[in-house]
Amino acid sequence: MITALVLILAAYLLGSLSGSLLLGRLRGVDIRTQGSGNAGGTNALRTQGWRFALGTVLVDVGKGVLAAWLARRFAGDADVAYLAVLAAVAGHVWPVFHGFRGGKGAGTLVGGLLVLWPLAVLPLLAVWLLCLTITGYVGLATILAAAALPAFAFAIGADGTRLAFALAVAAFIAFTHRANLARLRAGNEHRFERARVLARLFGKRPA
C-alpha cells in the first residue's frame, strides 16, 4: 500500500511538470497569458510556433510514459499503474509547481496508454484525426477520441480495470474541455482550417 501511494504521488508530481510552462520560462513567456490561456500543445502551437509546441508535446507525453512505466515496474499491479496515469493527468491539469493551472491532460494520457495499453492508442488516434480533418476543431477531436476509449474497451471485452479507466478518462477529458464545448455551442470555437483536409477533399465544389 505504501509503495502504491508513493508511486501515485510521484506520478502526480511528474504530471505537474508542465512542458509548455517549463519551456516558456526559458523563452520568458507564460502561454497561459496568451491565446486561449491553456498550457497545452494546441495553445503552444497557436502562440509560439511548431518547435515550441513539439517540445511541449514531447515533455507532456514523456511524463505520462514515465509515470506508467514506474508504476508498472515497481508496483506490478495494473490497478496501481492505471491510477498512476490518472494521477499524472491530474498533475498536468492541476500542477502543484505552477499554481494549479495547467493543460487539459490529453498528451499525458496518451503517454500512459503507450505503456499500459498501446493498442488503444490506434483507434483513439484514428478518431482524433478523422474528426480534426473534417471539422478542424482540436478540442472536439480530443473529446471524441477519449469517448472512443470506452467503446473500444467494450468492443474487445476489456477487463474491469481497463473499462473503469476508459470511462473515467472519457468523463475527465470532457470535463477539462468544457470550455471548448461551450465555445462550440456559442459558435466561436477556434478552428484550424488548414487541418480540414477531408472537408476540402470531399466538400461540395461549385458547378
N, C-alpha and C. Protein backbone atom coordinates (compact mmCIF):
# COMPACT_ATOMS: atom_id res chain seq x y z
N MET A 1 0.82 -1.21 0.00
CA MET A 1 0.00 0.00 0.00
C MET A 1 0.86 1.26 0.00
N ILE A 2 1.91 1.26 0.81
CA ILE A 2 2.80 2.43 0.86
C ILE A 2 3.47 2.64 -0.48
N THR A 3 3.93 1.55 -1.10
CA THR A 3 4.57 1.65 -2.41
C THR A 3 3.60 2.23 -3.44
N ALA A 4 2.36 1.76 -3.40
CA ALA A 4 1.36 2.26 -4.34
C ALA A 4 1.12 3.75 -4.15
N LEU A 5 0.99 4.18 -2.90
CA LEU A 5 0.76 5.59 -2.63
C LEU A 5 1.93 6.45 -3.07
N VAL A 6 3.15 5.96 -2.83
CA VAL A 6 4.34 6.71 -3.25
C VAL A 6 4.39 6.84 -4.77
N LEU A 7 4.06 5.77 -5.46
CA LEU A 7 4.08 5.79 -6.93
C LEU A 7 3.01 6.72 -7.49
N ILE A 8 1.84 6.72 -6.87
CA ILE A 8 0.76 7.60 -7.34
C ILE A 8 1.13 9.06 -7.07
N LEU A 9 1.72 9.33 -5.90
CA LEU A 9 2.17 10.70 -5.61
C LEU A 9 3.27 11.13 -6.57
N ALA A 10 4.21 10.22 -6.84
CA ALA A 10 5.29 10.53 -7.78
C ALA A 10 4.72 10.82 -9.17
N ALA A 11 3.69 10.06 -9.56
CA ALA A 11 3.05 10.29 -10.87
C ALA A 11 2.42 11.67 -10.91
N TYR A 12 1.76 12.06 -9.83
CA TYR A 12 1.16 13.40 -9.80
C TYR A 12 2.24 14.48 -9.92
N LEU A 13 3.34 14.31 -9.22
CA LEU A 13 4.42 15.30 -9.28
C LEU A 13 5.04 15.35 -10.67
N LEU A 14 5.19 14.19 -11.30
CA LEU A 14 5.67 14.17 -12.68
C LEU A 14 4.69 14.91 -13.59
N GLY A 15 3.42 14.65 -13.40
CA GLY A 15 2.41 15.32 -14.21
C GLY A 15 2.43 16.82 -14.02
N SER A 16 2.86 17.27 -12.85
CA SER A 16 2.90 18.70 -12.56
C SER A 16 4.02 19.44 -13.27
N LEU A 17 4.92 18.70 -13.91
CA LEU A 17 6.00 19.32 -14.69
C LEU A 17 5.45 19.64 -16.08
N SER A 18 4.91 20.81 -16.23
CA SER A 18 4.25 21.21 -17.49
C SER A 18 5.28 21.55 -18.56
N GLY A 19 5.17 20.89 -19.70
CA GLY A 19 6.11 21.13 -20.79
C GLY A 19 6.10 22.56 -21.28
N SER A 20 4.91 23.11 -21.51
CA SER A 20 4.82 24.47 -22.06
C SER A 20 5.32 25.51 -21.07
N LEU A 21 5.06 25.29 -19.78
CA LEU A 21 5.46 26.28 -18.78
C LEU A 21 6.95 26.21 -18.49
N LEU A 22 7.51 25.01 -18.49
CA LEU A 22 8.95 24.89 -18.30
C LEU A 22 9.72 25.47 -19.48
N LEU A 23 9.28 25.14 -20.69
CA LEU A 23 9.93 25.70 -21.88
C LEU A 23 9.67 27.20 -21.98
N GLY A 24 8.50 27.61 -21.54
CA GLY A 24 8.17 29.03 -21.57
C GLY A 24 9.09 29.85 -20.68
N ARG A 25 9.52 29.29 -19.58
CA ARG A 25 10.45 30.00 -18.70
C ARG A 25 11.77 30.27 -19.41
N LEU A 26 12.21 29.32 -20.23
CA LEU A 26 13.44 29.53 -20.98
C LEU A 26 13.29 30.64 -22.01
N ARG A 27 12.07 30.79 -22.52
CA ARG A 27 11.80 31.82 -23.52
C ARG A 27 11.31 33.12 -22.89
N GLY A 28 10.99 33.07 -21.61
CA GLY A 28 10.49 34.26 -20.94
C GLY A 28 9.03 34.56 -21.20
N VAL A 29 8.24 33.51 -21.48
CA VAL A 29 6.81 33.69 -21.73
C VAL A 29 6.01 32.71 -20.88
N ASP A 30 4.79 33.07 -20.61
CA ASP A 30 3.83 32.19 -19.95
C ASP A 30 2.63 32.11 -20.88
N ILE A 31 2.46 30.97 -21.56
CA ILE A 31 1.41 30.91 -22.58
C ILE A 31 0.02 30.92 -21.97
N ARG A 32 -0.08 30.84 -20.64
CA ARG A 32 -1.38 30.97 -20.00
C ARG A 32 -1.91 32.40 -20.08
N THR A 33 -1.02 33.32 -20.47
CA THR A 33 -1.44 34.72 -20.65
C THR A 33 -1.69 35.03 -22.12
N GLN A 34 -1.61 34.02 -22.98
CA GLN A 34 -1.75 34.23 -24.42
C GLN A 34 -2.77 33.25 -25.01
N GLY A 35 -3.30 33.61 -26.16
CA GLY A 35 -4.21 32.71 -26.86
C GLY A 35 -5.41 32.33 -26.00
N SER A 36 -5.64 31.00 -25.90
CA SER A 36 -6.76 30.50 -25.12
C SER A 36 -6.49 30.50 -23.63
N GLY A 37 -5.22 30.74 -23.24
CA GLY A 37 -4.86 30.71 -21.83
C GLY A 37 -4.56 29.33 -21.30
N ASN A 38 -4.59 28.33 -22.18
CA ASN A 38 -4.34 26.95 -21.77
C ASN A 38 -2.86 26.61 -21.92
N ALA A 39 -2.35 25.78 -21.01
CA ALA A 39 -0.93 25.43 -21.03
C ALA A 39 -0.69 24.12 -21.77
N GLY A 40 -1.39 23.91 -22.86
CA GLY A 40 -1.25 22.67 -23.62
C GLY A 40 -0.63 22.87 -24.98
N GLY A 41 -0.52 21.77 -25.71
CA GLY A 41 0.16 21.79 -27.00
C GLY A 41 -0.53 22.63 -28.05
N THR A 42 -1.86 22.64 -28.06
CA THR A 42 -2.58 23.41 -29.09
C THR A 42 -2.33 24.91 -28.93
N ASN A 43 -2.43 25.39 -27.71
CA ASN A 43 -2.17 26.81 -27.47
C ASN A 43 -0.70 27.15 -27.68
N ALA A 44 0.17 26.19 -27.36
CA ALA A 44 1.61 26.40 -27.61
C ALA A 44 1.86 26.57 -29.11
N LEU A 45 1.22 25.75 -29.92
CA LEU A 45 1.36 25.86 -31.38
C LEU A 45 0.81 27.19 -31.88
N ARG A 46 -0.34 27.56 -31.38
CA ARG A 46 -1.01 28.76 -31.85
C ARG A 46 -0.22 30.03 -31.49
N THR A 47 0.41 30.04 -30.31
CA THR A 47 1.04 31.27 -29.83
C THR A 47 2.56 31.30 -29.99
N GLN A 48 3.22 30.10 -30.04
CA GLN A 48 4.68 30.08 -30.03
C GLN A 48 5.31 29.36 -31.21
N GLY A 49 4.51 28.70 -32.02
CA GLY A 49 5.07 28.02 -33.19
C GLY A 49 5.27 26.53 -32.97
N TRP A 50 5.57 25.83 -34.07
CA TRP A 50 5.57 24.38 -34.03
C TRP A 50 6.74 23.79 -33.25
N ARG A 51 7.90 24.43 -33.23
CA ARG A 51 9.03 23.89 -32.48
C ARG A 51 8.74 23.89 -30.98
N PHE A 52 8.22 25.00 -30.50
CA PHE A 52 7.84 25.10 -29.09
C PHE A 52 6.75 24.07 -28.77
N ALA A 53 5.77 23.95 -29.66
CA ALA A 53 4.67 23.01 -29.44
C ALA A 53 5.17 21.58 -29.44
N LEU A 54 6.11 21.26 -30.32
CA LEU A 54 6.66 19.91 -30.35
C LEU A 54 7.37 19.59 -29.04
N GLY A 55 8.16 20.52 -28.54
CA GLY A 55 8.82 20.31 -27.26
C GLY A 55 7.82 20.11 -26.14
N THR A 56 6.75 20.89 -26.18
CA THR A 56 5.69 20.78 -25.18
C THR A 56 5.07 19.40 -25.20
N VAL A 57 4.72 18.93 -26.38
CA VAL A 57 4.08 17.62 -26.52
C VAL A 57 5.02 16.50 -26.08
N LEU A 58 6.28 16.59 -26.43
CA LEU A 58 7.24 15.55 -26.04
C LEU A 58 7.37 15.45 -24.52
N VAL A 59 7.43 16.60 -23.86
CA VAL A 59 7.50 16.58 -22.40
C VAL A 59 6.22 16.01 -21.80
N ASP A 60 5.08 16.46 -22.30
CA ASP A 60 3.80 16.05 -21.72
C ASP A 60 3.51 14.56 -21.96
N VAL A 61 3.83 14.08 -23.15
CA VAL A 61 3.67 12.65 -23.41
C VAL A 61 4.70 11.85 -22.61
N GLY A 62 5.92 12.36 -22.56
CA GLY A 62 7.00 11.66 -21.87
C GLY A 62 6.74 11.44 -20.40
N LYS A 63 6.13 12.42 -19.74
CA LYS A 63 5.87 12.24 -18.31
C LYS A 63 4.77 11.20 -18.08
N GLY A 64 3.83 11.08 -19.02
CA GLY A 64 2.85 10.01 -18.93
C GLY A 64 3.49 8.65 -19.10
N VAL A 65 4.42 8.57 -20.04
CA VAL A 65 5.18 7.32 -20.25
C VAL A 65 5.94 6.94 -18.99
N LEU A 66 6.64 7.91 -18.41
CA LEU A 66 7.46 7.63 -17.24
C LEU A 66 6.61 7.24 -16.03
N ALA A 67 5.52 7.94 -15.82
CA ALA A 67 4.65 7.62 -14.69
C ALA A 67 4.10 6.20 -14.81
N ALA A 68 3.67 5.82 -16.00
CA ALA A 68 3.13 4.47 -16.21
C ALA A 68 4.22 3.42 -16.05
N TRP A 69 5.39 3.69 -16.60
CA TRP A 69 6.50 2.72 -16.52
C TRP A 69 6.93 2.50 -15.08
N LEU A 70 7.07 3.58 -14.32
CA LEU A 70 7.49 3.44 -12.92
C LEU A 70 6.47 2.64 -12.12
N ALA A 71 5.18 2.93 -12.34
CA ALA A 71 4.15 2.21 -11.60
C ALA A 71 4.13 0.73 -11.96
N ARG A 72 4.24 0.44 -13.22
CA ARG A 72 4.24 -0.97 -13.64
C ARG A 72 5.50 -1.70 -13.16
N ARG A 73 6.63 -1.00 -13.20
CA ARG A 73 7.91 -1.61 -12.81
C ARG A 73 7.98 -1.89 -11.32
N PHE A 74 7.52 -0.97 -10.49
CA PHE A 74 7.73 -1.10 -9.05
C PHE A 74 6.50 -1.55 -8.28
N ALA A 75 5.33 -1.47 -8.89
CA ALA A 75 4.13 -1.96 -8.21
C ALA A 75 3.72 -3.33 -8.74
N GLY A 76 3.88 -3.51 -10.05
CA GLY A 76 3.50 -4.79 -10.65
C GLY A 76 2.02 -5.07 -10.56
N ASP A 77 1.22 -4.03 -10.48
CA ASP A 77 -0.22 -4.18 -10.32
C ASP A 77 -0.92 -3.24 -11.31
N ALA A 78 -1.83 -3.80 -12.09
CA ALA A 78 -2.49 -2.99 -13.13
C ALA A 78 -3.30 -1.86 -12.54
N ASP A 79 -3.97 -2.12 -11.42
CA ASP A 79 -4.79 -1.07 -10.82
C ASP A 79 -3.93 0.13 -10.43
N VAL A 80 -2.79 -0.13 -9.82
CA VAL A 80 -1.90 0.95 -9.40
C VAL A 80 -1.36 1.69 -10.63
N ALA A 81 -1.02 0.96 -11.67
CA ALA A 81 -0.47 1.58 -12.87
C ALA A 81 -1.47 2.53 -13.51
N TYR A 82 -2.73 2.11 -13.62
CA TYR A 82 -3.74 2.98 -14.22
C TYR A 82 -4.07 4.16 -13.32
N LEU A 83 -4.06 3.95 -12.00
CA LEU A 83 -4.26 5.07 -11.08
C LEU A 83 -3.11 6.07 -11.20
N ALA A 84 -1.90 5.57 -11.42
CA ALA A 84 -0.75 6.45 -11.59
C ALA A 84 -0.90 7.31 -12.83
N VAL A 85 -1.41 6.73 -13.91
CA VAL A 85 -1.63 7.52 -15.13
C VAL A 85 -2.67 8.60 -14.87
N LEU A 86 -3.75 8.24 -14.18
CA LEU A 86 -4.76 9.25 -13.84
C LEU A 86 -4.17 10.34 -12.96
N ALA A 87 -3.28 9.97 -12.04
CA ALA A 87 -2.63 10.96 -11.18
C ALA A 87 -1.73 11.88 -11.99
N ALA A 88 -1.02 11.32 -12.97
CA ALA A 88 -0.17 12.16 -13.83
C ALA A 88 -1.00 13.12 -14.65
N VAL A 89 -2.14 12.64 -15.16
CA VAL A 89 -3.04 13.51 -15.92
C VAL A 89 -3.58 14.62 -15.02
N ALA A 90 -3.96 14.26 -13.80
CA ALA A 90 -4.45 15.27 -12.85
C ALA A 90 -3.35 16.28 -12.54
N GLY A 91 -2.11 15.81 -12.42
CA GLY A 91 -1.00 16.72 -12.18
C GLY A 91 -0.80 17.69 -13.34
N HIS A 92 -1.01 17.21 -14.55
CA HIS A 92 -0.90 18.09 -15.71
C HIS A 92 -1.98 19.17 -15.70
N VAL A 93 -3.18 18.78 -15.30
CA VAL A 93 -4.29 19.74 -15.29
C VAL A 93 -4.17 20.70 -14.11
N TRP A 94 -3.78 20.17 -12.96
CA TRP A 94 -3.65 20.98 -11.74
C TRP A 94 -2.22 20.85 -11.19
N PRO A 95 -1.24 21.45 -11.85
CA PRO A 95 0.17 21.26 -11.46
C PRO A 95 0.53 22.02 -10.19
N VAL A 96 1.05 21.30 -9.21
CA VAL A 96 1.41 21.92 -7.95
C VAL A 96 2.54 22.93 -8.11
N PHE A 97 3.38 22.73 -9.13
CA PHE A 97 4.53 23.62 -9.34
C PHE A 97 4.16 24.90 -10.11
N HIS A 98 2.95 24.97 -10.62
CA HIS A 98 2.57 26.09 -11.48
C HIS A 98 1.23 26.69 -11.07
N GLY A 99 0.99 26.75 -9.79
CA GLY A 99 -0.22 27.40 -9.31
C GLY A 99 -1.51 26.66 -9.65
N PHE A 100 -1.41 25.35 -9.89
CA PHE A 100 -2.58 24.51 -10.18
C PHE A 100 -3.34 24.96 -11.43
N ARG A 101 -2.63 25.58 -12.37
CA ARG A 101 -3.22 25.98 -13.65
C ARG A 101 -2.39 25.36 -14.78
N GLY A 102 -2.88 24.28 -15.34
CA GLY A 102 -2.12 23.58 -16.37
C GLY A 102 -2.90 23.38 -17.65
N GLY A 103 -2.65 22.25 -18.30
CA GLY A 103 -3.31 21.94 -19.56
C GLY A 103 -4.55 21.10 -19.37
N LYS A 104 -4.87 20.29 -20.38
CA LYS A 104 -6.12 19.53 -20.35
C LYS A 104 -5.90 18.02 -20.27
N GLY A 105 -4.66 17.58 -20.31
CA GLY A 105 -4.36 16.20 -19.97
C GLY A 105 -4.26 15.19 -21.08
N ALA A 106 -4.59 15.55 -22.31
CA ALA A 106 -4.64 14.55 -23.38
C ALA A 106 -3.26 13.97 -23.70
N GLY A 107 -2.25 14.81 -23.81
CA GLY A 107 -0.92 14.32 -24.15
C GLY A 107 -0.38 13.37 -23.11
N THR A 108 -0.54 13.72 -21.83
CA THR A 108 -0.07 12.85 -20.75
C THR A 108 -0.82 11.53 -20.74
N LEU A 109 -2.10 11.59 -21.03
CA LEU A 109 -2.91 10.36 -21.13
C LEU A 109 -2.37 9.45 -22.23
N VAL A 110 -2.08 10.01 -23.38
CA VAL A 110 -1.54 9.20 -24.49
C VAL A 110 -0.22 8.55 -24.08
N GLY A 111 0.62 9.29 -23.37
CA GLY A 111 1.88 8.71 -22.90
C GLY A 111 1.65 7.50 -22.02
N GLY A 112 0.71 7.60 -21.10
CA GLY A 112 0.40 6.46 -20.24
C GLY A 112 -0.15 5.27 -21.02
N LEU A 113 -1.02 5.56 -21.99
CA LEU A 113 -1.58 4.48 -22.80
C LEU A 113 -0.51 3.78 -23.64
N LEU A 114 0.47 4.52 -24.11
CA LEU A 114 1.53 3.91 -24.90
C LEU A 114 2.27 2.81 -24.13
N VAL A 115 2.31 2.94 -22.82
CA VAL A 115 2.97 1.93 -21.97
C VAL A 115 2.00 0.84 -21.55
N LEU A 116 0.82 1.21 -21.08
CA LEU A 116 -0.09 0.26 -20.46
C LEU A 116 -1.09 -0.38 -21.42
N TRP A 117 -1.44 0.34 -22.48
CA TRP A 117 -2.49 -0.16 -23.39
C TRP A 117 -2.23 0.37 -24.79
N PRO A 118 -1.13 0.01 -25.39
CA PRO A 118 -0.74 0.62 -26.67
C PRO A 118 -1.74 0.39 -27.80
N LEU A 119 -2.44 -0.74 -27.80
CA LEU A 119 -3.41 -1.00 -28.87
C LEU A 119 -4.55 0.02 -28.84
N ALA A 120 -4.84 0.57 -27.68
CA ALA A 120 -5.93 1.54 -27.58
C ALA A 120 -5.58 2.86 -28.23
N VAL A 121 -4.29 3.12 -28.40
CA VAL A 121 -3.88 4.40 -29.00
C VAL A 121 -4.31 4.48 -30.46
N LEU A 122 -4.32 3.35 -31.14
CA LEU A 122 -4.63 3.35 -32.57
C LEU A 122 -6.06 3.82 -32.87
N PRO A 123 -7.09 3.26 -32.25
CA PRO A 123 -8.45 3.77 -32.52
C PRO A 123 -8.63 5.20 -32.05
N LEU A 124 -8.00 5.58 -30.94
CA LEU A 124 -8.11 6.95 -30.46
C LEU A 124 -7.50 7.92 -31.47
N LEU A 125 -6.34 7.56 -31.98
CA LEU A 125 -5.68 8.41 -32.98
C LEU A 125 -6.51 8.49 -34.25
N ALA A 126 -7.11 7.37 -34.65
CA ALA A 126 -7.93 7.36 -35.86
C ALA A 126 -9.14 8.28 -35.71
N VAL A 127 -9.82 8.20 -34.57
CA VAL A 127 -10.98 9.07 -34.33
C VAL A 127 -10.54 10.53 -34.28
N TRP A 128 -9.42 10.80 -33.61
CA TRP A 128 -8.93 12.17 -33.49
C TRP A 128 -8.61 12.77 -34.86
N LEU A 129 -7.89 12.01 -35.68
CA LEU A 129 -7.52 12.51 -37.00
C LEU A 129 -8.74 12.68 -37.90
N LEU A 130 -9.67 11.75 -37.84
CA LEU A 130 -10.87 11.84 -38.66
C LEU A 130 -11.66 13.10 -38.31
N CYS A 131 -11.88 13.31 -37.02
CA CYS A 131 -12.64 14.48 -36.60
C CYS A 131 -11.91 15.77 -36.93
N LEU A 132 -10.61 15.79 -36.69
CA LEU A 132 -9.84 17.01 -36.94
C LEU A 132 -9.83 17.37 -38.42
N THR A 133 -9.63 16.37 -39.28
CA THR A 133 -9.54 16.66 -40.71
C THR A 133 -10.89 16.98 -41.34
N ILE A 134 -11.97 16.66 -40.64
CA ILE A 134 -13.30 17.03 -41.13
C ILE A 134 -13.74 18.38 -40.57
N THR A 135 -13.58 18.55 -39.25
CA THR A 135 -14.13 19.75 -38.60
C THR A 135 -13.10 20.85 -38.37
N GLY A 136 -11.84 20.48 -38.15
CA GLY A 136 -10.82 21.46 -37.79
C GLY A 136 -10.83 21.86 -36.33
N TYR A 137 -11.67 21.22 -35.52
CA TYR A 137 -11.75 21.53 -34.10
C TYR A 137 -10.91 20.54 -33.29
N VAL A 138 -9.81 21.02 -32.72
CA VAL A 138 -8.92 20.14 -31.96
C VAL A 138 -9.61 19.65 -30.69
N GLY A 139 -10.28 20.57 -29.99
CA GLY A 139 -10.94 20.19 -28.75
C GLY A 139 -12.00 19.12 -28.96
N LEU A 140 -12.83 19.30 -29.98
CA LEU A 140 -13.87 18.32 -30.28
C LEU A 140 -13.25 16.98 -30.66
N ALA A 141 -12.18 17.01 -31.45
CA ALA A 141 -11.50 15.78 -31.84
C ALA A 141 -10.97 15.04 -30.61
N THR A 142 -10.44 15.79 -29.65
CA THR A 142 -9.89 15.17 -28.44
C THR A 142 -11.00 14.56 -27.58
N ILE A 143 -12.11 15.27 -27.45
CA ILE A 143 -13.24 14.75 -26.68
C ILE A 143 -13.78 13.46 -27.29
N LEU A 144 -13.95 13.45 -28.60
CA LEU A 144 -14.48 12.26 -29.28
C LEU A 144 -13.50 11.09 -29.23
N ALA A 145 -12.22 11.41 -29.33
CA ALA A 145 -11.21 10.35 -29.23
C ALA A 145 -11.25 9.70 -27.85
N ALA A 146 -11.35 10.52 -26.81
CA ALA A 146 -11.44 9.97 -25.45
C ALA A 146 -12.73 9.17 -25.27
N ALA A 147 -13.82 9.65 -25.86
CA ALA A 147 -15.09 8.94 -25.77
C ALA A 147 -15.04 7.60 -26.49
N ALA A 148 -14.13 7.49 -27.46
CA ALA A 148 -13.99 6.23 -28.19
C ALA A 148 -13.31 5.15 -27.35
N LEU A 149 -12.61 5.57 -26.28
CA LEU A 149 -11.90 4.58 -25.47
C LEU A 149 -12.84 3.60 -24.77
N PRO A 150 -13.92 4.05 -24.11
CA PRO A 150 -14.86 3.06 -23.55
C PRO A 150 -15.49 2.17 -24.61
N ALA A 151 -15.80 2.73 -25.78
CA ALA A 151 -16.37 1.92 -26.85
C ALA A 151 -15.39 0.83 -27.27
N PHE A 152 -14.11 1.20 -27.37
CA PHE A 152 -13.08 0.22 -27.71
C PHE A 152 -12.98 -0.85 -26.63
N ALA A 153 -13.03 -0.41 -25.36
CA ALA A 153 -12.93 -1.36 -24.25
C ALA A 153 -14.08 -2.36 -24.27
N PHE A 154 -15.30 -1.87 -24.52
CA PHE A 154 -16.46 -2.77 -24.62
C PHE A 154 -16.30 -3.72 -25.80
N ALA A 155 -15.83 -3.19 -26.92
CA ALA A 155 -15.73 -3.99 -28.15
C ALA A 155 -14.78 -5.16 -28.01
N ILE A 156 -13.69 -4.97 -27.28
CA ILE A 156 -12.70 -6.05 -27.15
C ILE A 156 -12.90 -6.87 -25.88
N GLY A 157 -13.91 -6.52 -25.08
CA GLY A 157 -14.14 -7.25 -23.84
C GLY A 157 -13.05 -7.02 -22.82
N ALA A 158 -12.64 -5.77 -22.66
CA ALA A 158 -11.56 -5.44 -21.73
C ALA A 158 -11.97 -5.78 -20.30
N ASP A 159 -10.97 -6.01 -19.45
CA ASP A 159 -11.25 -6.32 -18.05
C ASP A 159 -11.80 -5.10 -17.32
N GLY A 160 -12.22 -5.32 -16.08
CA GLY A 160 -12.86 -4.26 -15.32
C GLY A 160 -11.98 -3.05 -15.07
N THR A 161 -10.70 -3.30 -14.85
CA THR A 161 -9.78 -2.19 -14.60
C THR A 161 -9.68 -1.28 -15.81
N ARG A 162 -9.50 -1.86 -16.97
CA ARG A 162 -9.38 -1.05 -18.18
C ARG A 162 -10.69 -0.36 -18.54
N LEU A 163 -11.80 -1.04 -18.32
CA LEU A 163 -13.09 -0.44 -18.62
C LEU A 163 -13.35 0.75 -17.70
N ALA A 164 -13.07 0.58 -16.42
CA ALA A 164 -13.26 1.69 -15.48
C ALA A 164 -12.34 2.86 -15.82
N PHE A 165 -11.11 2.54 -16.19
CA PHE A 165 -10.15 3.58 -16.59
C PHE A 165 -10.66 4.32 -17.82
N ALA A 166 -11.16 3.57 -18.79
CA ALA A 166 -11.66 4.19 -20.03
C ALA A 166 -12.83 5.12 -19.76
N LEU A 167 -13.75 4.70 -18.92
CA LEU A 167 -14.91 5.54 -18.59
C LEU A 167 -14.48 6.79 -17.84
N ALA A 168 -13.53 6.62 -16.90
CA ALA A 168 -13.03 7.77 -16.14
C ALA A 168 -12.33 8.77 -17.05
N VAL A 169 -11.54 8.26 -17.98
CA VAL A 169 -10.81 9.12 -18.91
C VAL A 169 -11.77 9.90 -19.81
N ALA A 170 -12.77 9.22 -20.35
CA ALA A 170 -13.73 9.89 -21.23
C ALA A 170 -14.43 11.03 -20.50
N ALA A 171 -14.86 10.77 -19.26
CA ALA A 171 -15.53 11.81 -18.49
C ALA A 171 -14.58 12.95 -18.13
N PHE A 172 -13.35 12.60 -17.77
CA PHE A 172 -12.39 13.63 -17.35
C PHE A 172 -11.99 14.53 -18.51
N ILE A 173 -11.75 13.95 -19.68
CA ILE A 173 -11.36 14.76 -20.83
C ILE A 173 -12.51 15.66 -21.26
N ALA A 174 -13.74 15.17 -21.17
CA ALA A 174 -14.89 16.03 -21.47
C ALA A 174 -14.95 17.19 -20.48
N PHE A 175 -14.64 16.90 -19.21
CA PHE A 175 -14.64 17.95 -18.19
C PHE A 175 -13.57 19.00 -18.46
N THR A 176 -12.36 18.57 -18.78
CA THR A 176 -11.28 19.54 -18.99
C THR A 176 -11.48 20.34 -20.28
N HIS A 177 -12.31 19.83 -21.18
CA HIS A 177 -12.60 20.54 -22.43
C HIS A 177 -13.98 21.21 -22.40
N ARG A 178 -14.51 21.44 -21.22
CA ARG A 178 -15.85 22.03 -21.12
C ARG A 178 -15.91 23.42 -21.74
N ALA A 179 -14.81 24.17 -21.65
CA ALA A 179 -14.80 25.50 -22.28
C ALA A 179 -14.88 25.38 -23.79
N ASN A 180 -14.24 24.36 -24.36
CA ASN A 180 -14.34 24.13 -25.80
C ASN A 180 -15.78 23.82 -26.20
N LEU A 181 -16.44 23.00 -25.39
CA LEU A 181 -17.83 22.66 -25.68
C LEU A 181 -18.72 23.90 -25.61
N ALA A 182 -18.45 24.76 -24.63
CA ALA A 182 -19.24 25.99 -24.51
C ALA A 182 -19.02 26.88 -25.73
N ARG A 183 -17.77 26.98 -26.20
CA ARG A 183 -17.50 27.80 -27.38
C ARG A 183 -18.11 27.19 -28.63
N LEU A 184 -18.13 25.86 -28.71
CA LEU A 184 -18.78 25.21 -29.85
C LEU A 184 -20.27 25.55 -29.88
N ARG A 185 -20.92 25.49 -28.73
CA ARG A 185 -22.34 25.83 -28.68
C ARG A 185 -22.58 27.29 -29.03
N ALA A 186 -21.62 28.14 -28.64
CA ALA A 186 -21.77 29.57 -28.93
C ALA A 186 -21.36 29.92 -30.35
N GLY A 187 -20.70 28.98 -31.03
CA GLY A 187 -20.28 29.20 -32.40
C GLY A 187 -19.01 30.01 -32.55
N ASN A 188 -18.19 30.09 -31.50
CA ASN A 188 -16.96 30.87 -31.60
C ASN A 188 -15.71 30.07 -31.21
N GLU A 189 -15.79 28.75 -31.36
CA GLU A 189 -14.61 27.91 -31.11
C GLU A 189 -13.59 28.12 -32.22
N HIS A 190 -12.30 28.16 -31.83
CA HIS A 190 -11.25 28.35 -32.83
C HIS A 190 -11.15 27.10 -33.70
N ARG A 191 -11.03 27.31 -34.99
CA ARG A 191 -10.95 26.20 -35.95
C ARG A 191 -9.64 26.29 -36.74
N PHE A 192 -8.96 25.13 -36.84
CA PHE A 192 -7.76 25.06 -37.67
C PHE A 192 -8.18 24.69 -39.09
N GLU A 193 -8.37 25.70 -39.90
CA GLU A 193 -8.85 25.46 -41.27
C GLU A 193 -7.86 24.62 -42.08
N ARG A 194 -6.58 24.83 -41.86
CA ARG A 194 -5.59 24.07 -42.64
C ARG A 194 -5.64 22.58 -42.35
N ALA A 195 -6.18 22.20 -41.18
CA ALA A 195 -6.27 20.78 -40.84
C ALA A 195 -7.46 20.09 -41.49
N ARG A 196 -8.37 20.85 -42.09
CA ARG A 196 -9.60 20.27 -42.64
C ARG A 196 -9.37 19.67 -44.03
N VAL A 197 -8.47 18.71 -44.07
CA VAL A 197 -8.09 18.10 -45.34
C VAL A 197 -9.25 17.34 -45.95
N LEU A 198 -9.92 16.50 -45.17
CA LEU A 198 -11.03 15.71 -45.71
C LEU A 198 -12.22 16.59 -46.07
N ALA A 199 -12.44 17.63 -45.28
CA ALA A 199 -13.55 18.54 -45.60
C ALA A 199 -13.34 19.19 -46.95
N ARG A 200 -12.11 19.58 -47.25
CA ARG A 200 -11.83 20.21 -48.54
C ARG A 200 -11.84 19.19 -49.67
N LEU A 201 -11.37 17.98 -49.37
CA LEU A 201 -11.27 16.95 -50.39
C LEU A 201 -12.64 16.47 -50.86
N PHE A 202 -13.56 16.32 -49.91
CA PHE A 202 -14.88 15.75 -50.24
C PHE A 202 -15.99 16.78 -50.17
N GLY A 203 -15.61 18.04 -49.91
CA GLY A 203 -16.63 19.08 -49.84
C GLY A 203 -17.21 19.39 -51.20
N LYS A 204 -18.34 20.07 -51.18
CA LYS A 204 -19.02 20.41 -52.44
C LYS A 204 -18.18 21.43 -53.22
N ARG A 205 -18.07 21.20 -54.49
CA ARG A 205 -17.36 22.13 -55.37
C ARG A 205 -18.38 22.87 -56.24
N PRO A 206 -18.11 24.11 -56.52
CA PRO A 206 -19.05 24.85 -57.36
C PRO A 206 -19.17 24.22 -58.75
N ALA A 207 -20.38 24.25 -59.29
CA ALA A 207 -20.64 23.66 -60.62
C ALA A 207 -19.95 24.49 -61.69
